[in-house]
Amino acid sequence: MSKDDSYVAKTQAIRACVAKHPDMDPHRIVEFLAARGIRVSPAHVIVVQTLERSERTEHVVAAS
């Protein structure tokens, strides 16, 4: 697996966790994923959470 593939897999894992637990604290997500053998940084989690929230907002605005 290349470094880029690893980054994508980590991002997908974060997205899945955020989808199931949208209000979970970034540090808790880091701990949750670490327990499953996926090492991510709180900064990576915050970026993904921010993007997910902005995408949800865009969908709501577009539906209005």
PDB file of N, CA and C in Angstrom:
ATOM      1  N   MET A   1       0.856  -1.173   0.000  1.00  0.00           N
ATOM      2  CA  MET A   1       0.000   0.000   0.000  1.00  0.00           C
ATOM      3  C   MET A   1       0.901   1.235   0.000  1.00  0.00           C
ATOM      4  N   SER A   2       0.606   2.165  -0.879  1.00  0.00           N
ATOM      5  CA  SER A   2       1.400   3.387  -0.938  1.00  0.00           C
ATOM      6  C   SER A   2       0.983   4.351   0.166  1.00  0.00           C
ATOM      7  N   LYS A   3       1.781   5.374   0.357  1.00  0.00           N
ATOM      8  CA  LYS A   3       1.475   6.380   1.373  1.00  0.00           C
ATOM      9  C   LYS A   3       0.141   7.070   1.065  1.00  0.00           C
ATOM     10  N   ASP A   4      -0.127   7.341  -0.218  1.00  0.00           N
ATOM     11  CA  ASP A   4      -1.392   7.969  -0.608  1.00  0.00           C
ATOM     12  C   ASP A   4      -2.579   7.063  -0.306  1.00  0.00           C
ATOM     13  N   ASP A   5      -2.426   5.750  -0.561  1.00  0.00           N
ATOM     14  CA  ASP A   5      -3.498   4.798  -0.267  1.00  0.00           C
ATOM     15  C   ASP A   5      -3.786   4.760   1.226  1.00  0.00           C
ATOM     16  N   SER A   6      -2.734   4.812   2.026  1.00  0.00           N
ATOM     17  CA  SER A   6      -2.890   4.806   3.472  1.00  0.00           C
ATOM     18  C   SER A   6      -3.662   6.036   3.935  1.00  0.00           C
ATOM     19  N   TYR A   7      -3.343   7.195   3.356  1.00  0.00           N
ATOM     20  CA  TYR A   7      -4.024   8.432   3.721  1.00  0.00           C
ATOM     21  C   TYR A   7      -5.500   8.352   3.362  1.00  0.00           C
ATOM     22  N   VAL A   8      -5.802   7.809   2.190  1.00  0.00           N
ATOM     23  CA  VAL A   8      -7.197   7.675   1.750  1.00  0.00           C
ATOM     24  C   VAL A   8      -7.945   6.725   2.673  1.00  0.00           C
ATOM     25  N   ALA A   9      -7.325   5.609   3.038  1.00  0.00           N
ATOM     26  CA  ALA A   9      -7.965   4.649   3.930  1.00  0.00           C
ATOM     27  C   ALA A   9      -8.246   5.275   5.293  1.00  0.00           C
ATOM     28  N   LYS A  10      -7.300   6.059   5.789  1.00  0.00           N
ATOM     29  CA  LYS A  10      -7.501   6.735   7.074  1.00  0.00           C
ATOM     30  C   LYS A  10      -8.639   7.741   6.974  1.00  0.00           C
ATOM     31  N   THR A  11      -8.682   8.489   5.884  1.00  0.00           N
ATOM     32  CA  THR A  11      -9.745   9.469   5.683  1.00  0.00           C
ATOM     33  C   THR A  11     -11.107   8.776   5.613  1.00  0.00           C
ATOM     34  N   GLN A  12     -11.181   7.647   4.927  1.00  0.00           N
ATOM     35  CA  GLN A  12     -12.433   6.897   4.844  1.00  0.00           C
ATOM     36  C   GLN A  12     -12.857   6.381   6.211  1.00  0.00           C
ATOM     37  N   ALA A  13     -11.902   5.934   7.015  1.00  0.00           N
ATOM     38  CA  ALA A  13     -12.218   5.457   8.359  1.00  0.00           C
ATOM     39  C   ALA A  13     -12.757   6.602   9.216  1.00  0.00           C
ATOM     40  N   ILE A  14     -12.140   7.763   9.094  1.00  0.00           N
ATOM     41  CA  ILE A  14     -12.616   8.933   9.846  1.00  0.00           C
ATOM     42  C   ILE A  14     -14.025   9.306   9.388  1.00  0.00           C
ATOM     43  N   ARG A  15     -14.244   9.340   8.072  1.00  0.00           N
ATOM     44  CA  ARG A  15     -15.578   9.680   7.542  1.00  0.00           C
ATOM     45  C   ARG A  15     -16.643   8.724   8.058  1.00  0.00           C
ATOM     46  N   ALA A  16     -16.330   7.447   8.087  1.00  0.00           N
ATOM     47  CA  ALA A  16     -17.288   6.452   8.577  1.00  0.00           C
ATOM     48  C   ALA A  16     -17.598   6.691  10.054  1.00  0.00           C
ATOM     49  N   CYS A  17     -16.575   6.984  10.823  1.00  0.00           N
ATOM     50  CA  CYS A  17     -16.767   7.246  12.253  1.00  0.00           C
ATOM     51  C   CYS A  17     -17.578   8.518  12.469  1.00  0.00           C
ATOM     52  N   VAL A  18     -17.268   9.554  11.721  1.00  0.00           N
ATOM     53  CA  VAL A  18     -17.998  10.827  11.840  1.00  0.00           C
ATOM     54  C   VAL A  18     -19.455  10.647  11.422  1.00  0.00           C
ATOM     55  N   ALA A  19     -19.700   9.831  10.416  1.00  0.00           N
ATOM     56  CA  ALA A  19     -21.074   9.586   9.968  1.00  0.00           C
ATOM     57  C   ALA A  19     -21.896   8.913  11.068  1.00  0.00           C
ATOM     58  N   LYS A  20     -21.272   7.975  11.794  1.00  0.00           N
ATOM     59  CA  LYS A  20     -21.976   7.276  12.870  1.00  0.00           C
ATOM     60  C   LYS A  20     -22.062   8.099  14.144  1.00  0.00           C
ATOM     61  N   HIS A  21     -21.048   8.940  14.379  1.00  0.00           N
ATOM     62  CA  HIS A  21     -20.960   9.720  15.615  1.00  0.00           C
ATOM     63  C   HIS A  21     -20.614  11.171  15.278  1.00  0.00           C
ATOM     64  N   PRO A  22     -21.539  11.927  14.700  1.00  0.00           N
ATOM     65  CA  PRO A  22     -21.207  13.272  14.205  1.00  0.00           C
ATOM     66  C   PRO A  22     -20.773  14.267  15.280  1.00  0.00           C
ATOM     67  N   ASP A  23     -21.163  14.046  16.512  1.00  0.00           N
ATOM     68  CA  ASP A  23     -20.816  14.993  17.571  1.00  0.00           C
ATOM     69  C   ASP A  23     -19.649  14.520  18.441  1.00  0.00           C
ATOM     70  N   MET A  24     -19.007  13.427  18.055  1.00  0.00           N
ATOM     71  CA  MET A  24     -17.892  12.896  18.847  1.00  0.00           C
ATOM     72  C   MET A  24     -16.694  13.840  18.753  1.00  0.00           C
ATOM     73  N   ASP A  25     -16.048  14.059  19.865  1.00  0.00           N
ATOM     74  CA  ASP A  25     -14.859  14.900  19.961  1.00  0.00           C
ATOM     75  C   ASP A  25     -13.725  14.299  19.112  1.00  0.00           C
ATOM     76  N   PRO A  26     -12.938  15.137  18.425  1.00  0.00           N
ATOM     77  CA  PRO A  26     -11.840  14.620  17.598  1.00  0.00           C
ATOM     78  C   PRO A  26     -10.876  13.698  18.348  1.00  0.00           C
ATOM     79  N   HIS A  27     -10.572  14.011  19.591  1.00  0.00           N
ATOM     80  CA  HIS A  27      -9.647  13.176  20.360  1.00  0.00           C
ATOM     81  C   HIS A  27     -10.259  11.805  20.647  1.00  0.00           C
ATOM     82  N   ARG A  28     -11.560  11.760  20.838  1.00  0.00           N
ATOM     83  CA  ARG A  28     -12.242  10.474  21.045  1.00  0.00           C
ATOM     84  C   ARG A  28     -12.211   9.649  19.767  1.00  0.00           C
ATOM     85  N   ILE A  29     -12.360  10.303  18.610  1.00  0.00           N
ATOM     86  CA  ILE A  29     -12.283   9.591  17.339  1.00  0.00           C
ATOM     87  C   ILE A  29     -10.882   9.018  17.151  1.00  0.00           C
ATOM     88  N   VAL A  30      -9.860   9.788  17.502  1.00  0.00           N
ATOM     89  CA  VAL A  30      -8.480   9.309  17.414  1.00  0.00           C
ATOM     90  C   VAL A  30      -8.323   8.054  18.272  1.00  0.00           C
ATOM     91  N   GLU A  31      -8.827   8.093  19.489  1.00  0.00           N
ATOM     92  CA  GLU A  31      -8.733   6.942  20.392  1.00  0.00           C
ATOM     93  C   GLU A  31      -9.533   5.755  19.854  1.00  0.00           C
ATOM     94  N   PHE A  32     -10.725   6.022  19.352  1.00  0.00           N
ATOM     95  CA  PHE A  32     -11.597   4.992  18.807  1.00  0.00           C
ATOM     96  C   PHE A  32     -10.912   4.256  17.650  1.00  0.00           C
ATOM     97  N   LEU A  33     -10.334   5.025  16.729  1.00  0.00           N
ATOM     98  CA  LEU A  33      -9.671   4.419  15.578  1.00  0.00           C
ATOM     99  C   LEU A  33      -8.354   3.748  15.975  1.00  0.00           C
ATOM    100  N   ALA A  34      -7.650   4.323  16.937  1.00  0.00           N
ATOM    101  CA  ALA A  34      -6.394   3.715  17.405  1.00  0.00           C
ATOM    102  C   ALA A  34      -6.656   2.328  17.989  1.00  0.00           C
ATOM    103  N   ALA A  35      -7.775   2.174  18.662  1.00  0.00           N
ATOM    104  CA  ALA A  35      -8.130   0.876  19.228  1.00  0.00           C
ATOM    105  C   ALA A  35      -8.355  -0.166  18.129  1.00  0.00           C
ATOM    106  N   ARG A  36      -8.597   0.304  16.925  1.00  0.00           N
ATOM    107  CA  ARG A  36      -8.802  -0.577  15.773  1.00  0.00           C
ATOM    108  C   ARG A  36      -7.568  -0.641  14.872  1.00  0.00           C
ATOM    109  N   GLY A  37      -6.468  -0.075  15.365  1.00  0.00           N
ATOM    110  CA  GLY A  37      -5.211  -0.152  14.639  1.00  0.00           C
ATOM    111  C   GLY A  37      -5.020   0.912  13.569  1.00  0.00           C
ATOM    112  N   ILE A  38      -5.843   1.950  13.599  1.00  0.00           N
ATOM    113  CA  ILE A  38      -5.746   3.025  12.603  1.00  0.00           C
ATOM    114  C   ILE A  38      -5.227   4.268  13.311  1.00  0.00           C
ATOM    115  N   ARG A  39      -4.016   4.690  12.950  1.00  0.00           N
ATOM    116  CA  ARG A  39      -3.401   5.847  13.592  1.00  0.00           C
ATOM    117  C   ARG A  39      -3.679   7.093  12.767  1.00  0.00           C
ATOM    118  N   VAL A  40      -4.383   8.051  13.372  1.00  0.00           N
ATOM    119  CA  VAL A  40      -4.663   9.339  12.737  1.00  0.00           C
ATOM    120  C   VAL A  40      -4.382  10.443  13.747  1.00  0.00           C
ATOM    121  N   SER A  41      -4.237  11.651  13.251  1.00  0.00           N
ATOM    122  CA  SER A  41      -3.998  12.784  14.145  1.00  0.00           C
ATOM    123  C   SER A  41      -5.313  13.521  14.391  1.00  0.00           C
ATOM    124  N   PRO A  42      -5.409  14.231  15.509  1.00  0.00           N
ATOM    125  CA  PRO A  42      -6.601  15.045  15.752  1.00  0.00           C
ATOM    126  C   PRO A  42      -6.820  16.073  14.636  1.00  0.00           C
ATOM    127  N   ALA A  43      -5.732  16.609  14.082  1.00  0.00           N
ATOM    128  CA  ALA A  43      -5.859  17.591  13.000  1.00  0.00           C
ATOM    129  C   ALA A  43      -6.534  16.971  11.780  1.00  0.00           C
ATOM    130  N   HIS A  44      -6.169  15.745  11.441  1.00  0.00           N
ATOM    131  CA  HIS A  44      -6.787  15.054  10.303  1.00  0.00           C
ATOM    132  C   HIS A  44      -8.284  14.878  10.566  1.00  0.00           C
ATOM    133  N   VAL A  45      -8.637  14.498  11.782  1.00  0.00           N
ATOM    134  CA  VAL A  45     -10.045  14.311  12.141  1.00  0.00           C
ATOM    135  C   VAL A  45     -10.802  15.638  12.018  1.00  0.00           C
ATOM    136  N   ILE A  46     -10.221  16.718  12.507  1.00  0.00           N
ATOM    137  CA  ILE A  46     -10.880  18.031  12.460  1.00  0.00           C
ATOM    138  C   ILE A  46     -11.121  18.457  11.021  1.00  0.00           C
ATOM    139  N   VAL A  47     -10.150  18.228  10.144  1.00  0.00           N
ATOM    140  CA  VAL A  47     -10.321  18.590   8.736  1.00  0.00           C
ATOM    141  C   VAL A  47     -11.473  17.792   8.128  1.00  0.00           C
ATOM    142  N   VAL A  48     -11.514  16.495   8.375  1.00  0.00           N
ATOM    143  CA  VAL A  48     -12.583  15.664   7.819  1.00  0.00           C
ATOM    144  C   VAL A  48     -13.939  16.082   8.390  1.00  0.00           C
ATOM    145  N   GLN A  49     -14.008  16.323   9.692  1.00  0.00           N
ATOM    146  CA  GLN A  49     -15.269  16.760  10.300  1.00  0.00           C
ATOM    147  C   GLN A  49     -15.746  18.070   9.672  1.00  0.00           C
ATOM    148  N   THR A  50     -14.848  19.001   9.480  1.00  0.00           N
ATOM    149  CA  THR A  50     -15.200  20.293   8.896  1.00  0.00           C
ATOM    150  C   THR A  50     -15.737  20.116   7.482  1.00  0.00           C
ATOM    151  N   LEU A  51     -15.072  19.299   6.698  1.00  0.00           N
ATOM    152  CA  LEU A  51     -15.530  19.046   5.330  1.00  0.00           C
ATOM    153  C   LEU A  51     -16.890  18.357   5.317  1.00  0.00           C
ATOM    154  N   GLU A  52     -17.080  17.399   6.196  1.00  0.00           N
ATOM    155  CA  GLU A  52     -18.367  16.701   6.264  1.00  0.00           C
ATOM    156  C   GLU A  52     -19.489  17.668   6.636  1.00  0.00           C
ATOM    157  N   ARG A  53     -19.236  18.544   7.594  1.00  0.00           N
ATOM    158  CA  ARG A  53     -20.256  19.521   8.000  1.00  0.00           C
ATOM    159  C   ARG A  53     -20.573  20.487   6.866  1.00  0.00           C
ATOM    160  N   SER A  54     -19.547  20.934   6.141  1.00  0.00           N
ATOM    161  CA  SER A  54     -19.790  21.873   5.047  1.00  0.00           C
ATOM    162  C   SER A  54     -20.554  21.189   3.917  1.00  0.00           C
ATOM    163  N   GLU A  55     -20.274  19.912   3.660  1.00  0.00           N
ATOM    164  CA  GLU A  55     -21.017  19.183   2.632  1.00  0.00           C
ATOM    165  C   GLU A  55     -22.472  19.021   3.027  1.00  0.00           C
ATOM    166  N   ARG A  56     -22.737  18.736   4.307  1.00  0.00           N
ATOM    167  CA  ARG A  56     -24.127  18.612   4.762  1.00  0.00           C
ATOM    168  C   ARG A  56     -24.847  19.947   4.626  1.00  0.00           C
ATOM    169  N   THR A  57     -24.168  21.037   4.959  1.00  0.00           N
ATOM    170  CA  THR A  57     -24.761  22.370   4.859  1.00  0.00           C
ATOM    171  C   THR A  57     -25.075  22.697   3.406  1.00  0.00           C
ATOM    172  N   GLU A  58     -24.165  22.363   2.500  1.00  0.00           N
ATOM    173  CA  GLU A  58     -24.394  22.620   1.081  1.00  0.00           C
ATOM    174  C   GLU A  58     -25.605  21.851   0.580  1.00  0.00           C
ATOM    175  N   HIS A  59     -25.789  20.610   1.036  1.00  0.00           N
ATOM    176  CA  HIS A  59     -26.938  19.807   0.609  1.00  0.00           C
ATOM    177  C   HIS A  59     -28.234  20.414   1.123  1.00  0.00           C
ATOM    178  N   VAL A  60     -28.228  20.919   2.338  1.00  0.00           N
ATOM    179  CA  VAL A  60     -29.419  21.531   2.907  1.00  0.00           C
ATOM    180  C   VAL A  60     -29.770  22.811   2.153  1.00  0.00           C
ATOM    181  N   VAL A  61     -28.787  23.624   1.866  1.00  0.00           N
ATOM    182  CA  VAL A  61     -29.021  24.882   1.136  1.00  0.00           C
ATOM    183  C   VAL A  61     -29.516  24.566  -0.268  1.00  0.00           C
ATOM    184  N   ALA A  62     -28.928  23.592  -0.931  1.00  0.00           N
ATOM    185  CA  ALA A  62     -29.337  23.235  -2.292  1.00  0.00           C
ATOM    186  C   ALA A  62     -30.756  22.681  -2.317  1.00  0.00           C
ATOM    187  N   ALA A  63     -31.181  22.012  -1.259  1.00  0.00           N
ATOM    188  CA  ALA A  63     -32.524  21.439  -1.217  1.00  0.00           C
ATOM    189  C   ALA A  63     -33.587  22.497  -0.940  1.00  0.00           C
ATOM    190  N   SER A  64     -33.190  23.642  -0.430  1.00  0.00           N
ATOM    191  CA  SER A  64     -34.156  24.687  -0.073  1.00  0.00           C
ATOM    192  C   SER A  64     -34.728  25.380  -1.283  1.00  0.00           C
TER     193      SER A  64
END
